C-alpha atoms as a PDB file:
ATOM      1  CA  MET A   1      26.143  71.848  37.627  1.00  0.00           C
ATOM      2  CA  ASN A   2      26.000  69.030  35.067  1.00  0.00           C
ATOM      3  CA  ARG A   3      29.282  68.744  33.145  1.00  0.00           C
ATOM      4  CA  CYS A   4      29.341  68.012  29.428  1.00  0.00           C
ATOM      5  CA  TYR A   5      32.311  66.046  28.129  1.00  0.00           C
ATOM      6  CA  ALA A   6      33.212  65.717  24.447  1.00  0.00           C
ATOM      7  CA  ARG A   7      35.679  62.972  25.353  1.00  0.00           C
ATOM      8  CA  VAL A   8      37.455  61.544  28.355  1.00  0.00           C
ATOM      9  CA  PRO A   9      39.946  64.163  29.598  1.00  0.00           C
ATOM     10  CA  CYS A  10      43.484  63.042  28.649  1.00  0.00           C
ATOM     11  CA  PRO A  11      44.788  62.567  32.219  1.00  0.00           C
ATOM     12  CA  VAL A  12      41.706  60.457  32.982  1.00  0.00           C
ATOM     13  CA  ALA A  13      42.236  58.382  29.814  1.00  0.00           C
ATOM     14  CA  GLN A  14      45.785  57.653  31.016  1.00  0.00           C
ATOM     15  CA  LEU A  15      44.438  56.575  34.411  1.00  0.00           C
ATOM     16  CA  LEU A  16      41.941  54.235  32.714  1.00  0.00           C
ATOM     17  CA  VAL A  17      44.799  52.627  30.795  1.00  0.00           C
ATOM     18  CA  ASP A  18      46.694  52.290  34.095  1.00  0.00           C
ATOM     19  CA  ILE A  19      43.682  50.574  35.705  1.00  0.00           C
ATOM     20  CA  ALA A  20      43.299  48.210  32.741  1.00  0.00           C
ATOM     21  CA  GLU A  21      47.017  47.427  32.769  1.00  0.00           C
ATOM     22  CA  ALA A  22      46.904  46.645  36.506  1.00  0.00           C
ATOM     23  CA  GLU A  23      44.025  44.222  35.884  1.00  0.00           C
ATOM     24  CA  ALA A  24      45.974  42.598  33.034  1.00  0.00           C
ATOM     25  CA  HIS A  25      48.913  42.133  35.418  1.00  0.00           C
ATOM     26  CA  THR A  26      46.533  40.592  37.977  1.00  0.00           C
ATOM     27  CA  ILE A  27      45.517  37.887  35.500  1.00  0.00           C
ATOM     28  CA  ALA A  28      49.066  37.666  34.086  1.00  0.00           C
ATOM     29  CA  VAL A  29      48.040  38.312  30.477  1.00  0.00           C
ATOM     30  CA  PRO A  30      49.867  40.998  28.455  1.00  0.00           C
ATOM     31  CA  MET A  31      47.354  43.222  26.690  1.00  0.00           C
ATOM     32  CA  ALA A  32      47.030  45.990  24.151  1.00  0.00           C
ATOM     33  CA  ILE A  33      44.770  48.726  25.539  1.00  0.00           C
ATOM     34  CA  ALA A  34      43.186  51.484  23.448  1.00  0.00           C
ATOM     35  CA  VAL A  35      41.021  54.445  24.424  1.00  0.00           C
ATOM     36  CA  ALA A  36      39.030  56.104  21.636  1.00  0.00           C
ATOM     37  CA  ASP A  37      37.097  59.369  21.670  1.00  0.00           C
ATOM     38  CA  ALA A  38      33.357  59.487  20.955  1.00  0.00           C
ATOM     39  CA  GLU A  39      33.962  59.524  17.185  1.00  0.00           C
ATOM     40  CA  GLY A  40      36.223  56.471  17.346  1.00  0.00           C
ATOM     41  CA  GLY A  41      39.498  58.369  16.959  1.00  0.00           C
ATOM     42  CA  LEU A  42      42.381  56.840  18.877  1.00  0.00           C
ATOM     43  CA  GLN A  43      43.011  58.953  21.974  1.00  0.00           C
ATOM     44  CA  LEU A  44      45.498  56.787  23.854  1.00  0.00           C
ATOM     45  CA  PHE A  45      47.162  53.420  23.301  1.00  0.00           C
ATOM     46  CA  LYS A  46      49.445  51.108  25.287  1.00  0.00           C
ATOM     47  CA  ARG A  47      50.866  47.720  24.391  1.00  0.00           C
ATOM     48  CA  MET A  48      52.300  45.774  27.298  1.00  0.00           C
ATOM     49  CA  ASP A  49      55.524  43.818  26.835  1.00  0.00           C
ATOM     50  CA  GLY A  50      54.795  40.357  25.467  1.00  0.00           C
ATOM     51  CA  THR A  51      51.501  41.284  23.800  1.00  0.00           C
ATOM     52  CA  LEU A  52      50.819  39.516  20.520  1.00  0.00           C
ATOM     53  CA  PRO A  53      51.347  41.876  17.552  1.00  0.00           C
ATOM     54  CA  VAL A  54      47.819  41.198  16.226  1.00  0.00           C
ATOM     55  CA  SER A  55      46.408  42.633  19.456  1.00  0.00           C
ATOM     56  CA  THR A  56      47.541  46.153  18.555  1.00  0.00           C
ATOM     57  CA  GLU A  57      45.067  46.574  15.706  1.00  0.00           C
ATOM     58  CA  LEU A  58      42.372  44.526  17.432  1.00  0.00           C
ATOM     59  CA  ALA A  59      42.373  46.700  20.572  1.00  0.00           C
ATOM     60  CA  ALA A  60      42.094  49.910  18.540  1.00  0.00           C
ATOM     61  CA  SER A  61      39.335  48.409  16.374  1.00  0.00           C
ATOM     62  CA  LYS A  62      37.378  47.192  19.413  1.00  0.00           C
ATOM     63  CA  ALA A  63      37.522  50.714  20.890  1.00  0.00           C
ATOM     64  CA  PHE A  64      36.467  52.179  17.523  1.00  0.00           C
ATOM     65  CA  THR A  65      33.518  49.771  17.275  1.00  0.00           C
ATOM     66  CA  ALA A  66      32.223  50.486  20.781  1.00  0.00           C
ATOM     67  CA  ALA A  67      32.631  54.254  20.341  1.00  0.00           C
ATOM     68  CA  VAL A  68      30.981  54.734  16.957  1.00  0.00           C
ATOM     69  CA  LEU A  69      28.148  52.273  17.556  1.00  0.00           C
ATOM     70  CA  ARG A  70      27.630  53.274  21.213  1.00  0.00           C
ATOM     71  CA  MET A  71      27.534  49.665  22.419  1.00  0.00           C
ATOM     72  CA  SER A  72      29.925  46.869  23.295  1.00  0.00           C
ATOM     73  CA  SER A  73      31.690  45.109  20.448  1.00  0.00           C
ATOM     74  CA  ALA A  74      30.066  41.861  21.677  1.00  0.00           C
ATOM     75  CA  GLN A  75      26.597  43.443  21.307  1.00  0.00           C
ATOM     76  CA  VAL A  76      27.517  44.498  17.775  1.00  0.00           C
ATOM     77  CA  GLY A  77      28.469  40.875  17.095  1.00  0.00           C
ATOM     78  CA  GLU A  78      25.025  39.705  18.205  1.00  0.00           C
ATOM     79  CA  LEU A  79      23.319  42.312  16.006  1.00  0.00           C
ATOM     80  CA  ALA A  80      25.517  41.398  13.010  1.00  0.00           C
ATOM     81  CA  LYS A  81      24.474  37.751  12.784  1.00  0.00           C
ATOM     82  CA  PRO A  82      22.684  36.646   9.592  1.00  0.00           C
ATOM     83  CA  GLY A  83      19.159  38.040   9.605  1.00  0.00           C
ATOM     84  CA  ALA A  84      19.919  40.558  12.380  1.00  0.00           C
ATOM     85  CA  PRO A  85      19.684  44.339  11.809  1.00  0.00           C
ATOM     86  CA  LEU A  86      23.445  44.948  11.463  1.00  0.00           C
ATOM     87  CA  PHE A  87      24.270  41.920   9.321  1.00  0.00           C
ATOM     88  CA  GLY A  88      27.268  42.778   7.118  1.00  0.00           C
ATOM     89  CA  ILE A  89      28.413  45.812   9.116  1.00  0.00           C
ATOM     90  CA  GLU A  90      31.872  44.288   9.602  1.00  0.00           C
ATOM     91  CA  SER A  91      32.601  44.942   5.924  1.00  0.00           C
ATOM     92  CA  THR A  92      32.054  48.696   6.373  1.00  0.00           C
ATOM     93  CA  HIS A  93      34.415  51.305   7.839  1.00  0.00           C
ATOM     94  CA  GLY A  94      37.449  49.753   6.179  1.00  0.00           C
ATOM     95  CA  GLY A  95      36.992  46.508   8.079  1.00  0.00           C
ATOM     96  CA  ARG A  96      37.504  48.211  11.467  1.00  0.00           C
ATOM     97  CA  ILE A  97      34.259  46.894  12.985  1.00  0.00           C
ATOM     98  CA  VAL A  98      34.913  44.024  15.418  1.00  0.00           C
ATOM     99  CA  LEU A  99      32.186  41.501  16.244  1.00  0.00           C
ATOM    100  CA  PHE A 100      33.475  39.963  19.482  1.00  0.00           C
ATOM    101  CA  GLY A 101      34.063  41.103  23.050  1.00  0.00           C
ATOM    102  CA  GLY A 102      36.693  43.452  24.364  1.00  0.00           C
ATOM    103  CA  GLY A 103      35.348  46.854  23.295  1.00  0.00           C
ATOM    104  CA  LEU A 104      33.188  48.771  25.784  1.00  0.00           C
ATOM    105  CA  PRO A 105      31.735  52.295  25.633  1.00  0.00           C
ATOM    106  CA  LEU A 106      32.859  54.885  28.187  1.00  0.00           C
ATOM    107  CA  ARG A 107      30.106  57.100  29.597  1.00  0.00           C
ATOM    108  CA  LEU A 108      30.111  60.341  31.539  1.00  0.00           C
ATOM    109  CA  ASN A 109      26.821  61.941  32.583  1.00  0.00           C
ATOM    110  CA  GLY A 110      25.069  59.120  30.746  1.00  0.00           C
ATOM    111  CA  GLN A 111      26.614  60.069  27.395  1.00  0.00           C
ATOM    112  CA  VAL A 112      29.116  57.990  25.424  1.00  0.00           C
ATOM    113  CA  VAL A 113      32.365  59.966  25.430  1.00  0.00           C
ATOM    114  CA  GLY A 114      34.556  57.245  23.990  1.00  0.00           C
ATOM    115  CA  ALA A 115      35.402  53.602  24.424  1.00  0.00           C
ATOM    116  CA  VAL A 116      38.058  51.249  25.664  1.00  0.00           C
ATOM    117  CA  GLY A 117      39.278  48.325  23.570  1.00  0.00           C
ATOM    118  CA  VAL A 118      41.404  45.501  24.929  1.00  0.00           C
ATOM    119  CA  SER A 119      43.048  42.563  23.181  1.00  0.00           C
ATOM    120  CA  GLY A 120      45.607  39.973  24.164  1.00  0.00           C
ATOM    121  CA  GLY A 121      43.781  37.201  25.962  1.00  0.00           C
ATOM    122  CA  ILE A 122      40.698  35.132  25.355  1.00  0.00           C
ATOM    123  CA  VAL A 123      37.502  37.169  25.038  1.00  0.00           C
ATOM    124  CA  GLU A 124      36.614  36.733  28.724  1.00  0.00           C
ATOM    125  CA  GLU A 125      40.026  38.083  29.767  1.00  0.00           C
ATOM    126  CA  ASP A 126      39.748  41.010  27.368  1.00  0.00           C
ATOM    127  CA  LEU A 127      36.302  41.812  28.802  1.00  0.00           C
ATOM    128  CA  ARG A 128      37.577  41.608  32.372  1.00  0.00           C
ATOM    129  CA  VAL A 129      40.370  44.091  31.660  1.00  0.00           C
ATOM    130  CA  ALA A 130      38.147  46.467  29.661  1.00  0.00           C
ATOM    131  CA  GLY A 131      35.488  46.193  32.363  1.00  0.00           C
ATOM    132  CA  ALA A 132      37.987  47.289  35.013  1.00  0.00           C
ATOM    133  CA  ALA A 133      38.538  50.535  33.080  1.00  0.00           C
ATOM    134  CA  VAL A 134      34.782  51.123  32.690  1.00  0.00           C
ATOM    135  CA  GLU A 135      34.197  50.469  36.395  1.00  0.00           C
ATOM    136  CA  GLY A 136      37.092  52.791  37.244  1.00  0.00           C
ATOM    137  CA  LEU A 137      35.568  55.616  35.188  1.00  0.00           C
ATOM    138  CA  HIS A 138      32.176  55.087  36.822  1.00  0.00           C
ATOM    139  CA  GLU A 139      33.723  55.278  40.285  1.00  0.00           C
ATOM    140  CA  MET A 140      35.716  58.375  39.284  1.00  0.00           C
ATOM    141  CA  GLU A 141      32.517  60.053  38.116  1.00  0.00           C
ATOM    142  CA  CYS A 142      30.694  59.224  41.370  1.00  0.00           C
ATOM    143  CA  ARG A 143      33.556  60.553  43.498  1.00  0.00           C
ATOM    144  CA  ALA A 144      33.915  63.649  41.290  1.00  0.00           C
ATOM    145  CA  ARG A 145      30.420  64.734  42.364  1.00  0.00           C
ATOM    146  CA  SER A 146      31.637  64.929  45.963  1.00  0.00           C
ATOM    147  CA  PHE A 147      34.751  66.856  44.972  1.00  0.00           C
ATOM    148  CA  ARG A 148      32.661  69.333  42.959  1.00  0.00           C
ATOM    149  CA  GLU A 149      30.696  70.159  46.100  1.00  0.00           C
ATOM    150  CA  LEU A 150      33.982  71.050  47.776  1.00  0.00           C
ATOM    151  CA  LEU A 151      35.281  72.961  44.734  1.00  0.00           C
ATOM    152  CA  PRO A 152      32.249  74.714  43.204  1.00  0.00           C
ATOM    153  CA  GLY A 153      33.092  76.502  39.983  1.00  0.00           C
ATOM    154  CA  ALA A 154      36.752  75.426  40.057  1.00  0.00           C
ATOM    155  CA  ILE A 155      37.501  74.668  36.404  1.00  0.00           C
ATOM    156  CA  VAL A 156      41.101  74.356  35.233  1.00  0.00           C
ATOM    157  CA  GLU A 157      42.620  74.315  31.777  1.00  0.00           C
ATOM    158  CA  SER A 158      43.890  71.002  30.450  1.00  0.00           C
ATOM    159  CA  SER A 159      47.466  72.311  30.584  1.00  0.00           C
ATOM    160  CA  VAL A 160      47.137  72.738  34.367  1.00  0.00           C
ATOM    161  CA  LEU A 161      45.345  69.418  34.823  1.00  0.00           C
ATOM    162  CA  ALA A 162      48.491  67.343  34.215  1.00  0.00           C
ATOM    163  CA  LYS A 163      50.246  69.158  37.074  1.00  0.00           C
ATOM    164  CA  VAL A 164      47.207  68.684  39.350  1.00  0.00           C
ATOM    165  CA  LYS A 165      47.207  64.965  38.485  1.00  0.00           C
ATOM    166  CA  GLU A 166      50.916  64.679  39.282  1.00  0.00           C
ATOM    167  CA  GLU A 167      50.618  66.487  42.632  1.00  0.00           C
ATOM    168  CA  VAL A 168      47.571  64.504  43.777  1.00  0.00           C
ATOM    169  CA  CYS A 169      49.316  61.235  42.802  1.00  0.00           C
ATOM    170  CA  LEU A 170      52.400  62.178  44.812  1.00  0.00           C
ATOM    171  CA  ALA A 171      50.306  63.053  47.861  1.00  0.00           C
ATOM    172  CA  LEU A 172      48.314  59.815  47.705  1.00  0.00           C
ATOM    173  CA  GLU A 173      51.416  57.673  47.230  1.00  0.00           C
ATOM    174  CA  ARG A 174      52.655  58.898  50.624  1.00  0.00           C
ATOM    175  CA  CYS A 175      49.523  57.686  52.457  1.00  0.00           C
ATOM    176  CA  GLU A 176      49.921  55.322  55.383  1.00  0.00           C
ATOM    177  CA  PRO A 177      48.889  52.600  55.054  1.00  0.00           C
ATOM    178  CA  PRO A 178      49.744  52.668  51.339  1.00  0.00           C
ATOM    179  CA  LEU A 179      46.887  52.753  48.836  1.00  0.00           C
ATOM    180  CA  ALA A 180      46.703  50.307  45.934  1.00  0.00           C
ATOM    181  CA  GLN A 181      47.611  51.895  42.590  1.00  0.00           C
ATOM    182  CA  GLU A 182      44.067  51.263  41.322  1.00  0.00           C
ATOM    183  CA  ARG A 183      42.638  53.259  44.285  1.00  0.00           C
ATOM    184  CA  ILE A 184      45.057  56.098  43.611  1.00  0.00           C
ATOM    185  CA  ALA A 185      44.018  56.119  39.934  1.00  0.00           C
ATOM    186  CA  VAL A 186      40.320  56.339  40.832  1.00  0.00           C
ATOM    187  CA  ILE A 187      40.815  59.194  43.308  1.00  0.00           C
ATOM    188  CA  VAL A 188      43.092  61.147  40.968  1.00  0.00           C
ATOM    189  CA  GLY A 189      40.654  60.586  38.100  1.00  0.00           C
ATOM    190  CA  ALA A 190      37.792  61.885  40.227  1.00  0.00           C
ATOM    191  CA  VAL A 191      39.736  65.053  41.032  1.00  0.00           C
ATOM    192  CA  CYS A 192      40.538  65.518  37.322  1.00  0.00           C
ATOM    193  CA  LEU A 193      36.879  65.077  36.346  1.00  0.00           C
ATOM    194  CA  ALA A 194      35.787  67.491  39.069  1.00  0.00           C
ATOM    195  CA  LEU A 195      38.164  70.143  37.736  1.00  0.00           C
ATOM    196  CA  THR A 196      37.533  69.651  34.023  1.00  0.00           C
ATOM    197  CA  GLN A 197      34.800  70.793  31.726  1.00  0.00           C
ATOM    198  CA  THR A 198      35.016  70.353  27.982  1.00  0.00           C
ATOM    199  CA  GLY A 199      32.520  70.741  25.218  1.00  0.00           C
END
């Protein structure tokens, strides 16, 4: 059965922020991390200690840009150069359109269901951290297919999903040898996707 998602399920959005934050710690750059729904509405936000204040608005705007235009904020920047098809778009939407890297669309079943926006480092660092979240979601989706085969027709309400997430996390944290937090996030996210259907 092909699932249709209107947005990233909330527990999965939190796991994507966790993955992005872990990557930011890896490169030792404090970041602001935003997840937007498919219409660009802010779904989840985290600002790490030490993040520049300007990064708060930039991260949310990068997520907005990637969500509403269905492409990376860097691609929008290329298409907004003088003479290009989107020239001047940055002056629309109350100035929320960002023309440089750090905003990436999030896809499930090939459809844009939101975006992640990251700010705090140089563009390459922002892209690395946002990319970790996108890669995490892709891996969650791939693993969710396997879980769905084991749990056909098992759909849970979002209110139950938080408890499922908590219990699966606790079980995985007791594994020997210990799993990296990023691995735990991917597995838990896959279980959440397998058990969720929205839209």
